[in-house]
C-alpha cells in the first residue's frame, strides 16, 4: 500500500491550526537561507505558504554571500529577539559554511529542527520537549501503518551520522533492532533482511525490487530530479511498490510530513515560551 505523506501532513497541520485557533499563542518562525539554491527556495516557499494558512507567522532572511562567522552572528541576533519562537536554517548551506557551527549557534530553546547537539543529547536520553523534525516525520509515518514493530528488524541506509543517533533511538523505542548501512557498503545482504527500510542517500533508484524483503515497510527520504525533470526518490518506486507492504512515494511522501513536523515543533516552542 502507498503510505501517503500528503494525507498524513494534512491531518497534522489541521491539528496545529486548531490548537493555535483555540489558544492565545501567535507562533513566529524565523527562516534563514544562504544562497539561491533552487530546491531550497521552492521548499521554503512551501513552508511559508503552509505556515500562513495555519496561523504561524514567518520572517524570512535571504543572504546571498556570507561567512560562518557572519552567519553565526546573525543567528545570535535572532536568539535574543523575544518575538522569535523558532529558528530554521535551511540546509544545505554553501560549502564555505561550517554547518555544524551554525546549528550549534542556534539557541536550543529555539531550535525547531531539533538537531542542536544539546537537543540531540536530550532526545536520546528521553528528556527532550520535541523530536527532531525528520525523526518525528518517520515516526508518524510508521505509526500510520498500524503494523506491530516490536522485535522486527530496521535497516537505515544513509550518510548522516548526526541523523543516525536520534533515529536509532526512536526506532529502538518501538522495539526495532536497528542496523545502519552506508552507501559505500552496498550491495549488502542486510537490506534483504529489513522489515523496515529507511533510505536517505540522495541517488535515484538506489534500491531496486530484488533488494527488498516482501511485505516490508519502506520509507524513502531521497529527493532526486532526473534529466527529464521527473522527481523520484532513492527507491525504484514503480517496481517495488507491489512487493512492499507499505511504501512512501516521491513526491508526496516524507517531504510533506517534514513540513507538518516543522509546524508542530514551532507551535511546541511557542507554547513553551508563552
Protein backbone atom coordinates (compact mmCIF):
# COMPACT_ATOMS: atom_id res chain seq x y z
CA UNK A 1 0.00 0.00 0.00
CA UNK A 2 1.10 3.55 -0.66
CA UNK A 3 1.89 5.47 2.52
CA UNK A 4 0.66 8.95 1.65
CA UNK A 5 2.62 11.68 3.36
CA UNK A 6 0.30 14.30 1.92
CA UNK A 7 -2.75 12.87 3.70
CA UNK A 8 -0.89 12.47 6.99
CA UNK A 9 0.51 16.01 6.76
CA UNK A 10 -2.99 17.40 6.23
CA UNK A 11 -4.14 15.68 9.44
CA UNK A 12 -1.25 17.06 11.49
CA UNK A 13 -1.50 20.57 10.06
CA UNK A 14 -5.20 20.66 10.91
CA UNK A 15 -4.30 19.72 14.49
CA UNK A 16 -1.71 22.52 14.66
CA UNK A 17 -4.17 25.05 13.24
CA UNK A 18 -6.94 24.03 15.64
CA UNK A 19 -4.54 24.30 18.59
CA UNK A 20 -3.43 27.78 17.54
CA UNK A 21 -7.02 28.91 16.96
CA UNK A 22 -8.03 27.71 20.41
CA UNK A 23 -5.08 29.32 22.21
CA UNK A 24 -3.63 32.78 22.74
CA UNK A 25 -0.24 31.95 21.19
CA UNK A 26 0.94 33.51 17.93
CA UNK A 27 3.90 31.37 16.82
CA UNK A 28 6.65 33.12 14.87
CA UNK A 29 9.27 31.26 12.86
CA UNK A 30 12.50 32.76 11.50
CA UNK A 31 13.76 31.11 8.30
CA UNK A 32 17.33 31.74 7.15
CA UNK A 33 18.52 30.87 3.64
CA UNK A 34 22.06 31.37 2.35
CA UNK A 35 22.48 31.40 -1.43
CA UNK A 36 19.88 30.77 -4.10
CA UNK A 37 19.64 27.00 -4.33
CA UNK A 38 16.51 26.41 -6.41
CA UNK A 39 15.29 23.37 -4.46
CA UNK A 40 15.75 25.16 -1.12
CA UNK A 41 13.92 28.23 -2.41
CA UNK A 42 10.97 26.13 -3.56
CA UNK A 43 10.89 24.25 -0.26
CA UNK A 44 10.95 27.50 1.74
CA UNK A 45 8.11 28.96 -0.30
CA UNK A 46 6.02 25.90 0.51
CA UNK A 47 6.82 26.25 4.20
CA UNK A 48 5.90 29.94 4.22
CA UNK A 49 2.61 29.28 2.42
CA UNK A 50 1.59 26.46 4.76
CA UNK A 51 2.62 28.45 7.84
CA UNK A 52 0.42 31.37 6.78
CA UNK A 53 -2.54 29.04 6.24
CA UNK A 54 -2.41 27.61 9.77
CA UNK A 55 -1.60 30.77 11.72
CA UNK A 56 2.19 30.70 12.02
CA UNK A 57 3.98 33.90 11.06
CA UNK A 58 7.31 33.59 9.27
CA UNK A 59 10.15 36.08 8.95
CA UNK A 60 12.45 35.25 6.06
CA UNK A 61 16.13 36.17 5.86
CA UNK A 62 17.75 35.68 2.46
CA UNK A 63 21.55 36.06 2.47
CA UNK A 64 23.46 36.00 -0.82
CA UNK A 65 27.03 35.63 0.42
CA UNK A 66 28.38 35.26 3.94
CA UNK A 67 30.95 33.57 6.13
CA UNK A 68 30.45 31.17 9.01
CA UNK A 69 31.33 33.93 11.47
CA UNK A 70 28.83 36.38 9.96
CA UNK A 71 26.08 33.78 9.81
CA UNK A 72 26.66 32.74 13.43
CA UNK A 73 26.41 36.40 14.45
CA UNK A 74 23.07 36.68 12.61
CA UNK A 75 21.83 33.59 14.45
CA UNK A 76 22.88 35.11 17.79
CA UNK A 77 20.78 38.19 16.95
CA UNK A 78 17.73 36.01 16.33
CA UNK A 79 18.38 34.13 19.58
CA UNK A 80 17.97 37.37 21.54
CA UNK A 81 14.76 38.50 19.86
CA UNK A 82 11.77 37.86 22.16
CA UNK A 83 9.33 37.87 19.22
CA UNK A 84 11.01 34.86 17.56
CA UNK A 85 9.88 31.47 18.90
CA UNK A 86 11.71 29.20 16.48
CA UNK A 87 14.70 29.39 14.13
CA UNK A 88 15.22 27.33 10.98
CA UNK A 89 18.41 27.47 8.93
CA UNK A 90 17.73 25.91 5.54
CA UNK A 91 20.12 23.08 4.75
CA UNK A 92 22.25 22.51 2.70
CA UNK A 93 24.43 25.53 3.27
CA UNK A 94 27.16 26.60 0.81
CA UNK A 95 30.39 24.62 1.07
CA UNK A 96 32.28 27.52 2.63
CA UNK A 97 29.95 27.49 5.66
CA UNK A 98 30.55 25.24 8.67
CA UNK A 99 27.08 23.73 9.05
CA UNK A 100 27.81 22.18 12.46
CA UNK A 101 28.94 25.55 13.83
CA UNK A 102 25.79 27.24 12.55
CA UNK A 103 23.49 24.61 14.06
CA UNK A 104 25.36 24.81 17.36
CA UNK A 105 24.85 28.61 17.38
CA UNK A 106 21.05 28.31 17.49
CA UNK A 107 19.52 28.71 20.94
CA UNK A 108 18.42 25.15 21.87
CA UNK A 109 15.11 26.63 23.06
CA UNK A 110 14.51 27.95 19.51
CA UNK A 111 15.99 25.03 17.56
CA UNK A 112 12.94 23.97 15.57
CA UNK A 113 14.74 21.24 13.60
CA UNK A 114 15.91 19.65 16.85
CA UNK A 115 19.48 18.99 15.70
CA UNK A 116 21.39 21.21 18.15
CA UNK A 117 23.86 18.91 19.96
CA UNK A 118 22.19 19.65 23.30
CA UNK A 119 18.78 18.76 21.88
CA UNK A 120 20.07 15.57 20.28
CA UNK A 121 21.51 14.58 23.66
CA UNK A 122 18.26 15.43 25.44
CA UNK A 123 16.18 13.48 22.93
CA UNK A 124 18.30 10.34 23.11
CA UNK A 125 18.08 10.33 26.90
CA UNK A 126 14.33 10.88 26.96
CA UNK A 127 14.50 14.47 28.20
CA UNK A 128 13.62 16.45 25.04
CA UNK A 129 10.44 18.50 24.73
CA UNK A 130 10.22 17.86 20.99
CA UNK A 131 11.51 15.34 18.49
CA UNK A 132 13.89 16.24 15.64
CA UNK A 133 11.74 17.07 12.61
CA UNK A 134 12.88 14.28 10.28
CA UNK A 135 12.77 11.66 13.03
CA UNK A 136 9.27 12.83 14.00
CA UNK A 137 8.16 12.51 10.38
CA UNK A 138 9.38 8.93 10.13
CA UNK A 139 7.77 8.02 13.46
CA UNK A 140 4.39 9.44 12.34
CA UNK A 141 4.59 7.52 9.06
CA UNK A 142 5.43 4.24 10.80
CA UNK A 143 2.55 4.70 13.23
CA UNK A 144 0.20 5.33 10.31
CA UNK A 145 0.79 1.78 9.04
CA UNK A 146 -0.54 0.28 12.32
CA UNK A 147 1.94 -2.57 11.80
CA UNK A 148 3.34 -4.03 15.09
CA UNK A 149 7.05 -3.18 15.05
CA UNK A 150 8.41 -4.73 18.24
CA UNK A 151 11.02 -7.41 17.58
CA UNK A 152 11.36 -6.60 13.89
CA UNK A 153 14.49 -5.51 12.05
CA UNK A 154 15.04 -1.98 10.74
CA UNK A 155 17.79 -1.03 8.30
CA UNK A 156 18.80 2.59 7.77
CA UNK A 157 20.70 3.32 4.56
CA UNK A 158 22.21 6.78 4.76
CA UNK A 159 25.24 9.04 5.05
CA UNK A 160 24.50 11.32 8.03
CA UNK A 161 25.96 10.31 11.38
CA UNK A 162 24.05 13.17 13.06
CA UNK A 163 20.79 11.68 11.81
CA UNK A 164 21.70 8.16 12.98
CA UNK A 165 21.69 8.71 16.75
CA UNK A 166 18.16 10.14 17.21
CA UNK A 167 16.68 7.90 14.52
CA UNK A 168 18.15 4.78 16.11
CA UNK A 169 16.81 5.90 19.49
CA UNK A 170 13.29 6.39 18.11
CA UNK A 171 13.26 3.05 16.29
CA UNK A 172 14.54 1.29 19.40
CA UNK A 173 11.73 2.85 21.45
CA UNK A 174 9.33 1.00 19.17
CA UNK A 175 11.12 -2.30 19.78
CA UNK A 176 13.00 -2.45 16.49
CA UNK A 177 16.51 -3.84 16.13
CA UNK A 178 18.46 -1.34 14.03
CA UNK A 179 21.29 -1.79 11.52
CA UNK A 180 22.95 1.20 9.86
CA UNK A 181 24.46 0.85 6.36
CA UNK A 182 26.35 3.48 4.38
CA UNK A 183 26.05 3.72 0.58
CA UNK A 184 29.62 2.51 0.05
CA UNK A 185 28.67 -0.76 1.78
CA UNK A 186 26.20 -1.69 -0.97
CA UNK A 187 25.31 -4.30 -2.03
CA UNK A 188 24.53 -5.64 1.43
CA UNK A 189 22.54 -8.71 2.50
CA UNK A 190 21.22 -6.63 5.41
CA UNK A 191 18.87 -4.78 3.05
CA UNK A 192 17.01 -8.01 2.25
CA UNK A 193 16.53 -8.66 5.98
CA UNK A 194 14.81 -5.34 6.61
CA UNK A 195 11.23 -5.40 7.86
CA UNK A 196 11.55 -1.60 7.89
CA UNK A 197 13.89 0.03 5.37
CA UNK A 198 14.68 3.75 5.63
CA UNK A 199 16.66 5.16 2.70
CA UNK A 200 18.42 8.55 2.56
CA UNK A 201 21.33 8.56 0.11
CA UNK A 202 20.37 11.16 -2.50
CA UNK A 203 20.78 8.90 -5.53
CA UNK A 204 17.83 7.82 -7.71
CA UNK A 205 16.77 4.17 -7.80
CA UNK A 206 19.50 3.01 -5.40
CA UNK A 207 17.09 0.39 -4.04
CA UNK A 208 15.55 -1.96 -6.58
CA UNK A 209 12.83 -4.60 -6.36
CA UNK A 210 15.24 -7.53 -5.99
CA UNK A 211 16.85 -5.89 -2.92
CA UNK A 212 13.81 -5.64 -0.63
CA UNK A 213 12.08 -8.12 1.62
CA UNK A 214 8.48 -8.97 0.65
CA UNK A 215 5.86 -7.16 2.76
CA UNK A 216 8.40 -4.73 4.21
CA UNK A 217 7.81 -1.06 5.09
CA UNK A 218 9.89 1.33 3.01
CA UNK A 219 10.43 4.97 3.97
CA UNK A 220 12.14 6.81 1.10
CA UNK A 221 13.65 10.13 2.19
CA UNK A 222 15.55 10.79 -1.04
CA UNK A 223 14.52 13.52 -3.48
CA UNK A 224 16.21 13.48 -6.90
CA UNK A 225 15.44 15.27 -10.16
CA UNK A 226 16.13 13.28 -13.32
CA UNK A 227 17.31 14.81 -16.59
CA UNK A 228 13.74 14.67 -17.92
CA UNK A 229 12.59 16.79 -14.97
CA UNK A 230 10.83 13.96 -13.14
CA UNK A 231 11.27 13.92 -9.34
CA UNK A 232 11.97 10.47 -7.87
CA UNK A 233 13.21 9.00 -4.62
CA UNK A 234 16.15 6.76 -3.79
CA UNK A 235 13.90 3.72 -4.21
CA UNK A 236 12.65 2.47 -7.58
CA UNK A 237 9.03 3.05 -6.59
CA UNK A 238 7.42 1.79 -9.82
CA UNK A 239 8.99 -1.65 -9.44
CA UNK A 240 8.93 -2.04 -5.65
CA UNK A 241 5.52 -0.77 -4.53
CA UNK A 242 3.73 -4.03 -5.36
CA UNK A 243 6.26 -6.06 -3.34
CA UNK A 244 6.35 -3.88 -0.22
CA UNK A 245 3.56 -3.85 2.35
CA UNK A 246 3.85 -0.06 2.68
CA UNK A 247 5.96 2.43 0.75
CA UNK A 248 6.20 6.21 0.65
CA UNK A 249 6.00 7.83 -2.79
CA UNK A 250 8.23 10.65 -4.05
CA UNK A 251 6.94 13.30 -4.23
CA UNK A 252 4.11 13.18 -1.70
CA UNK A 253 5.81 11.01 0.90
CA UNK A 254 8.23 12.15 3.58
CA UNK A 255 8.50 15.74 2.32
CA UNK A 256 5.02 16.99 3.28
CA UNK A 257 5.27 15.28 6.67
CA UNK A 258 8.55 17.04 7.50
CA UNK A 259 6.86 20.39 6.88
CA UNK A 260 3.99 19.38 9.17
CA UNK A 261 6.50 18.30 11.82
CA UNK A 262 8.27 21.65 11.45
CA UNK A 263 5.00 23.48 12.12
CA UNK A 264 4.25 21.16 15.05
CA UNK A 265 7.63 21.92 16.61
CA UNK A 266 7.18 25.66 16.02
CA UNK A 267 3.90 25.50 17.93
CA UNK A 268 5.50 23.50 20.75
CA UNK A 269 8.35 26.00 21.10
CA UNK A 270 5.87 28.91 21.13
CA UNK A 271 3.80 27.22 23.81
CA UNK A 272 6.92 26.60 25.89
CA UNK A 273 7.78 30.29 25.71
CA UNK A 274 4.27 31.58 26.42
